[in-house]
Amino acid sequence: MPVIEALELSKTYTSGFRKHRNVHAVSNLSVSIESGQIFSLLGPNGAGKTTFIKILLSIVHPSQGSASILGCAVPNVKTRERVGYLPENHKYPGYFTGEQVVRFFGELSKVPKKILDERIPDLLHMVGLTEWRSMKVKKYSKGMLQRVGLAQALINDPDILFLDEPTDGVDPVGRKEIREVLKGLKYQGKTIFLNSHLLSEVEMISDQVAILDRGKLVRVGTVEELTAQGSSFEIAVEGSLPSTFIDEASAHVLKMCVRGQTISLQSSTTADLNATLDLLRKHGVLITSMTRVRRSLEDSFIDLLKQGAQH
């Protein structure tokens, strides 16, 4: 059974004073997330990512459709006790220390004091804030605020963790450390719902990725599935290519570029790739190596958005 599920979920806002205008933040969104996954939600600004998270957390009510968390229909008070949340633009009282922030949220979650006393030092160590636990958060950098935010999201030992831009403002070393924390949480069996603009980060840790654009689900799948649109290869050869080669190969390839002794091509099927190789052999051209070129998640993301814009 999925731990998070949305079925034809929509949210429409009405804007304007005299002339009402409907804004479709989320439109007929259906997605299913299994336990123990790192699930990443991608999309440009205004795509509906934060609205979707807020619907799942019952902060915003949907206009239509339904959602469930841990098998219980949203909203459900008991379910919230098993969820941790780091919002995108979180604010903490500046006079609190880092430790006090985490303790405050633990008390809001009704975590017993004895457990808080044991858990808070461990969480602050996990996110690299032990040395600054007694510093007031008004002196924290943006990256340090993200770290303490991650600690407070974990204080109730949740089964599901919703993270909205968790590495925003964090330096490269800190991002790597947070990645390792998230991998460790996944190893513990926790499900992580990640909303991020850093596609390189998402590519390294995600089990499943969904792309939203203008409130609609464009694509969902593994990183491998999303980056496998069209197989690109680089073929190193010896010998000169006949002048007719590119024209002959155009029947088998989507794109082709020849630079010296290297042929870059994109083929839609394995059969077409082999037909191109056969064509090289037919002309007596020696193939010295062939390398598959993997597209980045960022390239695939941009291409999918462009395709959506054309329809």
Protein backbone atom coordinates (compact mmCIF):
# COMPACT_ATOMS: atom_id res chain seq x y z
CA MET A 1 0.00 0.00 0.00
CA PRO A 2 1.37 3.49 -0.87
CA VAL A 3 2.24 5.68 2.11
CA ILE A 4 1.27 8.82 0.14
CA GLU A 5 -1.38 8.86 -2.55
CA ALA A 6 -3.17 11.59 -4.47
CA LEU A 7 -6.13 10.92 -6.76
CA GLU A 8 -7.20 13.58 -9.29
CA LEU A 9 -6.25 16.31 -6.86
CA SER A 10 -7.03 19.91 -7.84
CA LYS A 11 -6.78 23.28 -6.14
CA THR A 12 -8.24 26.43 -7.68
CA TYR A 13 -7.80 29.89 -6.20
CA THR A 14 -9.97 32.88 -7.07
CA SER A 15 -8.06 36.13 -7.45
CA GLY A 16 -9.04 39.68 -8.25
CA PHE A 17 -11.45 42.09 -6.59
CA ARG A 18 -14.24 42.88 -9.03
CA LYS A 19 -13.20 40.66 -11.91
CA HIS A 20 -12.74 37.19 -10.52
CA ARG A 21 -10.06 35.07 -12.13
CA ASN A 22 -9.52 31.39 -11.38
CA VAL A 23 -5.93 30.25 -10.84
CA HIS A 24 -5.43 26.50 -11.12
CA ALA A 25 -2.54 25.82 -8.74
CA VAL A 26 -2.92 22.03 -9.05
CA SER A 27 -4.94 20.24 -11.74
CA ASN A 28 -6.07 16.59 -11.68
CA LEU A 29 -2.87 15.41 -10.01
CA SER A 30 -2.55 11.69 -9.29
CA VAL A 31 0.61 10.21 -7.79
CA SER A 32 1.56 7.25 -5.60
CA ILE A 33 4.60 7.03 -3.31
CA GLU A 34 5.83 3.81 -1.73
CA SER A 35 7.34 3.43 1.73
CA GLY A 36 11.06 3.97 2.17
CA GLN A 37 11.52 6.08 -0.97
CA ILE A 38 13.10 9.46 -1.52
CA PHE A 39 10.49 11.08 -3.76
CA SER A 40 11.39 14.41 -5.37
CA LEU A 41 9.00 16.97 -6.76
CA LEU A 42 10.38 19.29 -9.44
CA GLY A 43 8.96 22.21 -11.33
CA PRO A 44 9.51 25.90 -12.13
CA ASN A 45 8.33 28.65 -9.80
CA GLY A 46 4.55 28.68 -9.64
CA ALA A 47 4.24 25.06 -10.78
CA GLY A 48 2.15 24.11 -7.74
CA LYS A 49 4.77 22.17 -5.75
CA THR A 50 4.26 23.92 -2.42
CA THR A 51 0.48 23.89 -2.86
CA PHE A 52 0.57 20.12 -3.35
CA ILE A 53 2.61 19.65 -0.17
CA LYS A 54 0.25 21.90 1.78
CA ILE A 55 -2.74 19.88 0.59
CA LEU A 56 -1.11 16.66 1.80
CA LEU A 57 -0.41 18.32 5.16
CA SER A 58 -3.98 19.71 5.42
CA ILE A 59 -2.69 23.29 5.48
CA VAL A 60 -4.69 23.88 2.29
CA HIS A 61 -7.91 22.08 1.34
CA PRO A 62 -8.29 20.76 -2.22
CA SER A 63 -11.03 21.96 -4.55
CA GLN A 64 -11.57 18.40 -5.71
CA GLY A 65 -10.01 14.97 -5.56
CA SER A 66 -8.61 13.14 -2.55
CA ALA A 67 -5.35 12.30 -0.83
CA SER A 68 -4.20 9.86 1.80
CA ILE A 69 -1.16 9.48 4.03
CA LEU A 70 -0.28 6.18 5.68
CA GLY A 71 -3.58 4.75 4.48
CA CYS A 72 -5.69 7.47 6.15
CA ALA A 73 -7.66 10.06 4.21
CA VAL A 74 -6.39 13.62 4.53
CA PRO A 75 -7.00 15.43 6.88
CA ASN A 76 -6.31 13.17 9.84
CA VAL A 77 -4.95 14.37 13.18
CA LYS A 78 -3.37 11.04 14.13
CA THR A 79 -1.51 10.88 10.83
CA ARG A 80 0.11 14.26 11.49
CA GLU A 81 1.82 12.82 14.55
CA ARG A 82 3.82 10.57 12.20
CA VAL A 83 4.86 13.35 9.82
CA GLY A 84 7.75 15.83 9.95
CA TYR A 85 7.74 19.07 7.93
CA LEU A 86 10.36 21.63 6.96
CA PRO A 87 8.61 24.54 5.17
CA GLU A 88 10.38 26.61 2.54
CA ASN A 89 10.27 29.96 4.34
CA HIS A 90 10.39 29.02 8.00
CA LYS A 91 10.72 31.66 10.72
CA TYR A 92 11.89 31.05 14.27
CA PRO A 93 11.94 33.52 17.20
CA GLY A 94 15.34 35.18 17.05
CA TYR A 95 15.81 35.02 20.81
CA PHE A 96 15.62 31.19 20.76
CA THR A 97 18.83 29.21 20.62
CA GLY A 98 19.09 26.35 18.14
CA GLU A 99 18.47 23.86 20.93
CA GLN A 100 15.42 25.80 22.13
CA VAL A 101 13.93 25.81 18.63
CA VAL A 102 14.12 22.03 18.41
CA ARG A 103 12.79 21.60 21.96
CA PHE A 104 9.89 23.98 21.29
CA PHE A 105 8.74 21.96 18.29
CA GLY A 106 9.22 18.75 20.23
CA GLU A 107 6.91 20.06 22.96
CA LEU A 108 4.37 21.10 20.32
CA SER A 109 4.49 17.51 19.08
CA LYS A 110 3.97 16.30 22.65
CA VAL A 111 7.23 14.37 22.74
CA PRO A 112 7.97 13.45 26.40
CA LYS A 113 10.70 15.54 28.08
CA LYS A 114 12.89 12.51 28.79
CA ILE A 115 12.90 11.56 25.10
CA LEU A 116 13.58 15.17 24.09
CA ASP A 117 16.59 15.33 26.41
CA GLU A 118 18.01 12.26 24.67
CA ARG A 119 17.00 13.07 21.11
CA ILE A 120 17.90 16.76 20.80
CA PRO A 121 21.71 16.33 21.20
CA ASP A 122 21.66 13.47 18.69
CA LEU A 123 19.72 15.49 16.11
CA LEU A 124 21.90 18.59 16.52
CA HIS A 125 24.97 16.40 16.04
CA MET A 126 23.36 14.79 12.97
CA VAL A 127 22.84 18.16 11.28
CA GLY A 128 26.21 19.57 12.38
CA LEU A 129 25.01 22.14 14.91
CA THR A 130 26.40 20.79 18.19
CA GLU A 131 28.94 23.62 18.41
CA TRP A 132 26.22 26.25 17.86
CA ARG A 133 23.40 24.70 19.89
CA SER A 134 23.48 27.59 22.43
CA MET A 135 23.74 30.39 19.86
CA LYS A 136 20.61 32.47 19.24
CA VAL A 137 19.13 31.73 15.84
CA LYS A 138 19.08 35.43 14.90
CA LYS A 139 22.85 35.00 14.47
CA TYR A 140 22.47 31.88 12.31
CA SER A 141 23.32 31.91 8.63
CA LYS A 142 20.72 30.73 6.10
CA GLY A 143 22.44 27.36 5.92
CA MET A 144 22.41 26.99 9.71
CA LEU A 145 18.70 27.83 9.78
CA GLN A 146 18.09 25.06 7.26
CA ARG A 147 20.00 22.64 9.46
CA VAL A 148 18.05 23.49 12.59
CA GLY A 149 14.87 23.29 10.51
CA LEU A 150 15.76 19.75 9.50
CA ALA A 151 16.40 18.87 13.15
CA GLN A 152 12.99 20.20 14.24
CA ALA A 153 11.29 18.27 11.43
CA LEU A 154 12.82 15.07 12.84
CA ILE A 155 12.14 15.70 16.52
CA ASN A 156 8.99 13.55 16.62
CA ASP A 157 10.77 10.65 14.85
CA PRO A 158 8.38 10.79 11.87
CA ASP A 159 7.64 8.00 9.38
CA ILE A 160 7.30 10.55 6.56
CA LEU A 161 9.39 13.67 6.13
CA PHE A 162 8.25 16.58 3.94
CA LEU A 163 11.15 18.86 3.03
CA ASP A 164 10.51 22.04 1.03
CA GLU A 165 13.87 23.29 -0.35
CA PRO A 166 15.96 21.77 2.49
CA THR A 167 19.35 22.75 1.01
CA ASP A 168 18.42 26.32 0.09
CA GLY A 169 21.31 28.57 1.15
CA VAL A 170 23.47 25.63 2.24
CA ASP A 171 27.08 25.51 1.00
CA PRO A 172 28.32 22.52 -1.07
CA VAL A 173 29.86 20.78 1.95
CA GLY A 174 26.65 21.24 3.91
CA ARG A 175 24.55 19.94 1.01
CA LYS A 176 26.66 16.79 0.88
CA GLU A 177 26.21 16.32 4.63
CA ILE A 178 22.43 16.75 4.33
CA ARG A 179 22.38 14.23 1.46
CA GLU A 180 24.10 11.73 3.70
CA VAL A 181 21.56 12.42 6.46
CA LEU A 182 18.67 11.81 4.06
CA LYS A 183 20.25 8.58 2.79
CA GLY A 184 20.60 7.44 6.41
CA LEU A 185 16.96 8.24 7.13
CA LYS A 186 15.93 6.27 4.05
CA TYR A 187 18.03 3.35 5.30
CA GLN A 188 15.99 3.51 8.52
CA GLY A 189 12.84 3.02 6.44
CA LYS A 190 11.58 6.59 6.45
CA THR A 191 9.84 8.06 3.41
CA ILE A 192 11.14 11.44 2.28
CA PHE A 193 9.13 13.84 0.12
CA LEU A 194 11.57 16.38 -1.27
CA ASN A 195 10.82 19.62 -3.08
CA SER A 196 13.97 21.19 -4.52
CA HIS A 197 15.26 23.47 -7.27
CA LEU A 198 18.70 21.84 -7.13
CA LEU A 199 18.33 19.18 -9.80
CA SER A 200 21.86 17.87 -9.35
CA GLU A 201 21.03 17.14 -5.69
CA VAL A 202 17.77 15.43 -6.63
CA GLU A 203 19.52 13.33 -9.27
CA MET A 204 21.97 11.91 -6.73
CA ILE A 205 19.52 10.69 -4.08
CA SER A 206 16.02 10.25 -5.54
CA ASP A 207 14.27 6.94 -6.09
CA GLN A 208 11.39 8.57 -7.95
CA VAL A 209 10.90 12.01 -9.48
CA ALA A 210 7.74 13.87 -10.49
CA ILE A 211 7.76 16.98 -12.66
CA LEU A 212 5.00 19.57 -12.31
CA ASP A 213 4.33 22.44 -14.69
CA ARG A 214 1.49 24.93 -14.30
CA GLY A 215 -0.22 22.63 -11.81
CA LYS A 216 -0.16 19.55 -14.04
CA LEU A 217 1.90 16.39 -13.73
CA VAL A 218 4.22 16.30 -16.76
CA ARG A 219 6.12 13.12 -15.98
CA VAL A 220 6.86 10.73 -13.12
CA GLY A 221 9.47 7.97 -12.95
CA THR A 222 12.94 7.03 -11.78
CA VAL A 223 15.90 9.25 -12.62
CA GLU A 224 17.04 6.60 -15.10
CA GLU A 225 13.65 6.61 -16.84
CA LEU A 226 13.50 10.41 -17.03
CA THR A 227 17.01 10.72 -18.47
CA ALA A 228 16.67 7.92 -21.02
CA GLN A 229 14.69 9.87 -23.61
CA GLY A 230 16.55 9.04 -26.78
CA SER A 231 19.83 7.13 -26.54
CA SER A 232 22.91 9.24 -27.26
CA PHE A 233 26.26 7.72 -28.17
CA GLU A 234 29.76 8.84 -29.09
CA ILE A 235 31.53 6.58 -31.59
CA ALA A 236 35.26 6.87 -32.22
CA VAL A 237 36.37 5.69 -35.67
CA GLU A 238 39.44 5.25 -37.83
CA GLY A 239 39.37 6.08 -41.48
CA SER A 240 37.53 8.73 -43.46
CA LEU A 241 33.77 8.82 -43.70
CA PRO A 242 32.28 8.88 -47.20
CA SER A 243 30.49 12.07 -48.16
CA THR A 244 27.20 10.17 -48.41
CA PHE A 245 27.38 8.72 -44.87
CA ILE A 246 25.37 11.40 -43.05
CA ASP A 247 22.58 11.29 -45.61
CA GLU A 248 22.46 7.49 -45.48
CA ALA A 249 22.51 7.45 -41.67
CA SER A 250 19.70 10.01 -41.38
CA ALA A 251 17.18 7.19 -41.86
CA HIS A 252 18.39 5.56 -38.61
CA VAL A 253 19.30 8.43 -36.27
CA LEU A 254 17.45 11.35 -34.72
CA LYS A 255 20.51 13.62 -34.60
CA MET A 256 24.10 13.31 -35.77
CA CYS A 257 27.24 15.39 -35.52
CA VAL A 258 30.70 14.48 -36.87
CA ARG A 259 33.78 16.09 -35.31
CA GLY A 260 37.02 14.70 -36.71
CA GLN A 261 37.14 11.01 -35.80
CA THR A 262 34.19 11.18 -33.39
CA ILE A 263 30.55 10.68 -34.34
CA SER A 264 27.89 11.88 -31.89
CA LEU A 265 24.44 10.52 -32.55
CA GLN A 266 21.05 10.03 -30.97
CA SER A 267 19.09 6.90 -31.83
CA SER A 268 15.53 6.03 -30.86
CA THR A 269 15.97 2.22 -30.91
CA THR A 270 18.73 -0.37 -30.53
CA ALA A 271 17.91 -1.64 -34.03
CA ASP A 272 18.54 1.82 -35.52
CA LEU A 273 21.83 2.08 -33.65
CA ASN A 274 22.98 -1.26 -35.03
CA ALA A 275 21.91 -0.24 -38.53
CA THR A 276 24.17 2.82 -38.21
CA LEU A 277 27.09 0.65 -37.06
CA ASP A 278 26.48 -1.71 -40.00
CA LEU A 279 26.59 1.27 -42.31
CA LEU A 280 30.02 2.25 -40.96
CA ARG A 281 31.32 -1.28 -41.49
CA LYS A 282 29.86 -1.35 -44.99
CA HIS A 283 32.04 1.64 -45.87
CA GLY A 284 35.10 0.03 -44.29
CA VAL A 285 35.26 2.46 -41.36
CA LEU A 286 36.82 0.92 -38.22
CA ILE A 287 35.00 1.46 -34.92
CA THR A 288 37.53 1.87 -32.08
CA SER A 289 35.11 2.64 -29.24
CA MET A 290 31.51 3.47 -28.45
CA THR A 291 30.30 5.31 -25.32
CA ARG A 292 26.76 5.86 -24.19
CA VAL A 293 26.20 9.49 -23.21
CA ARG A 294 23.79 9.86 -20.31
CA ARG A 295 21.65 12.99 -20.24
CA SER A 296 21.46 14.96 -17.02
CA LEU A 297 18.21 15.30 -15.13
CA GLU A 298 18.42 19.04 -15.75
CA ASP A 299 18.52 18.52 -19.54
CA SER A 300 15.54 16.17 -19.38
CA PHE A 301 13.67 18.57 -17.10
CA ILE A 302 14.13 21.52 -19.45
CA ASP A 303 13.18 19.46 -22.51
CA LEU A 304 9.97 18.23 -20.86
CA LEU A 305 8.97 21.79 -19.94
CA LYS A 306 9.66 22.96 -23.50
CA GLN A 307 7.53 20.13 -24.89
CA GLY A 308 4.71 21.12 -22.53
CA ALA A 309 4.92 24.73 -23.60
CA GLN A 310 4.46 23.74 -27.24
CA HIS A 311 1.15 21.95 -26.56
